[in-house]
Amino acid sequence: ALVTMGSPIIHYSTRWKDGGRYPDFLEPKKMFCFWGRSDIVCPSPISVNPVFKGKVVDIQVTSWNPLDLEKYRAHTIYWGLDMVHRELAEIFQSL
């Protein structure tokens, strides 16, 4: 499995005419991407790219704390959120 948090994959995949490619070594649905709307690096799910659609499990991170909406803080909060800890535990238990 591959787990990313605030990954810039969606930005860099535009460098390839075909949108890049899903890693050969990963089974579908074994790539997990945590993202947040306010994250300056990953403000949208990776699966908006047709190459990754149906292969990546996008997990939107939300918080009730208005400070977590600040652009730079939004990219650094992943490890500090209970929601992320619970999701990670579920991912690792499923492997």
Protein backbone atom coordinates (compact mmCIF):
# COMPACT_ATOMS: atom_id res chain seq x y z
CA ALA A 1 0.00 0.00 0.00
CA LEU A 2 1.01 3.60 -0.52
CA VAL A 3 -0.34 6.32 1.77
CA THR A 4 0.14 9.99 0.95
CA MET A 5 -0.87 13.11 2.85
CA GLY A 6 -1.17 16.32 0.91
CA SER A 7 0.58 14.82 -2.12
CA PRO A 8 1.38 17.04 -5.12
CA ILE A 9 0.75 14.12 -7.53
CA ILE A 10 -2.26 15.85 -9.06
CA HIS A 11 -0.12 18.89 -9.96
CA TYR A 12 2.82 16.95 -11.38
CA SER A 13 0.73 14.49 -13.38
CA THR A 14 -0.15 17.34 -15.74
CA ARG A 15 3.43 17.27 -17.03
CA TRP A 16 2.61 14.15 -19.06
CA LYS A 17 0.32 14.36 -22.07
CA ASP A 18 -1.55 11.25 -20.95
CA GLY A 19 -1.80 12.41 -17.31
CA GLY A 20 0.89 10.08 -16.00
CA ARG A 21 0.28 6.50 -14.94
CA TYR A 22 -0.71 4.51 -11.89
CA PRO A 23 2.29 2.73 -10.31
CA ASP A 24 2.73 -0.78 -11.74
CA PHE A 25 3.66 -2.22 -8.36
CA LEU A 26 0.36 -1.23 -6.71
CA GLU A 27 -2.93 -3.07 -6.89
CA PRO A 28 -5.97 -0.84 -7.52
CA LYS A 29 -7.43 0.65 -4.33
CA LYS A 30 -4.09 0.20 -2.50
CA MET A 31 -3.09 3.85 -2.83
CA PHE A 32 -4.62 6.14 -0.22
CA CYS A 33 -4.45 9.93 -0.47
CA PHE A 34 -5.39 12.25 2.38
CA TRP A 35 -6.26 15.70 1.08
CA GLY A 36 -7.90 18.90 2.27
CA ARG A 37 -9.61 21.73 0.39
CA SER A 38 -7.42 24.34 2.06
CA ASP A 39 -4.15 22.47 1.52
CA ILE A 40 -2.01 24.50 -0.87
CA VAL A 41 -0.23 21.37 -2.12
CA CYS A 42 -3.18 18.99 -2.50
CA PRO A 43 -6.49 20.92 -2.63
CA SER A 44 -8.35 18.25 -4.60
CA PRO A 45 -8.58 14.47 -4.74
CA ILE A 46 -6.03 12.67 -6.91
CA SER A 47 -8.80 10.74 -8.62
CA VAL A 48 -9.89 13.84 -10.57
CA ASN A 49 -7.15 12.67 -12.93
CA PRO A 50 -8.78 10.00 -15.15
CA VAL A 51 -5.61 7.87 -14.93
CA PHE A 52 -6.11 7.49 -11.17
CA LYS A 53 -9.92 7.39 -11.10
CA GLY A 54 -11.14 4.17 -9.50
CA LYS A 55 -7.63 3.19 -8.44
CA VAL A 56 -6.90 5.66 -5.64
CA VAL A 57 -8.84 5.92 -2.40
CA ASP A 58 -9.13 9.66 -1.71
CA ILE A 59 -9.82 10.60 1.90
CA GLN A 60 -10.86 14.20 2.50
CA VAL A 61 -9.57 15.60 5.78
CA THR A 62 -11.89 17.97 7.60
CA SER A 63 -11.59 19.92 10.80
CA TRP A 64 -13.90 22.15 12.80
CA ASN A 65 -10.99 24.36 13.85
CA PRO A 66 -11.06 27.51 11.67
CA LEU A 67 -7.28 27.85 12.07
CA ASP A 68 -6.89 24.61 10.12
CA LEU A 69 -8.23 26.42 7.05
CA GLU A 70 -5.10 28.56 6.81
CA LYS A 71 -3.23 27.53 3.66
CA TYR A 72 0.10 26.53 5.22
CA ARG A 73 -1.37 25.01 8.36
CA ALA A 74 -3.80 22.95 6.29
CA HIS A 75 -0.83 21.16 4.70
CA THR A 76 0.79 20.31 8.04
CA ILE A 77 -2.15 19.14 10.17
CA TYR A 78 -2.56 15.59 8.88
CA TRP A 79 -0.54 13.82 11.60
CA GLY A 80 -2.28 15.81 14.34
CA LEU A 81 -5.87 14.86 13.52
CA ASP A 82 -7.66 11.97 15.21
CA MET A 83 -9.63 11.39 12.02
CA VAL A 84 -6.40 10.65 10.14
CA HIS A 85 -5.21 8.30 12.92
CA ARG A 86 -8.46 6.32 12.74
CA GLU A 87 -8.33 6.08 8.95
CA LEU A 88 -4.69 4.95 9.05
CA ALA A 89 -5.54 2.26 11.60
CA GLU A 90 -8.33 0.97 9.34
CA ILE A 91 -6.02 0.98 6.30
CA PHE A 92 -3.27 -0.93 8.09
CA GLN A 93 -5.72 -3.45 9.56
CA SER A 94 -7.11 -4.16 6.10
CA LEU A 95 -3.71 -5.07 4.65
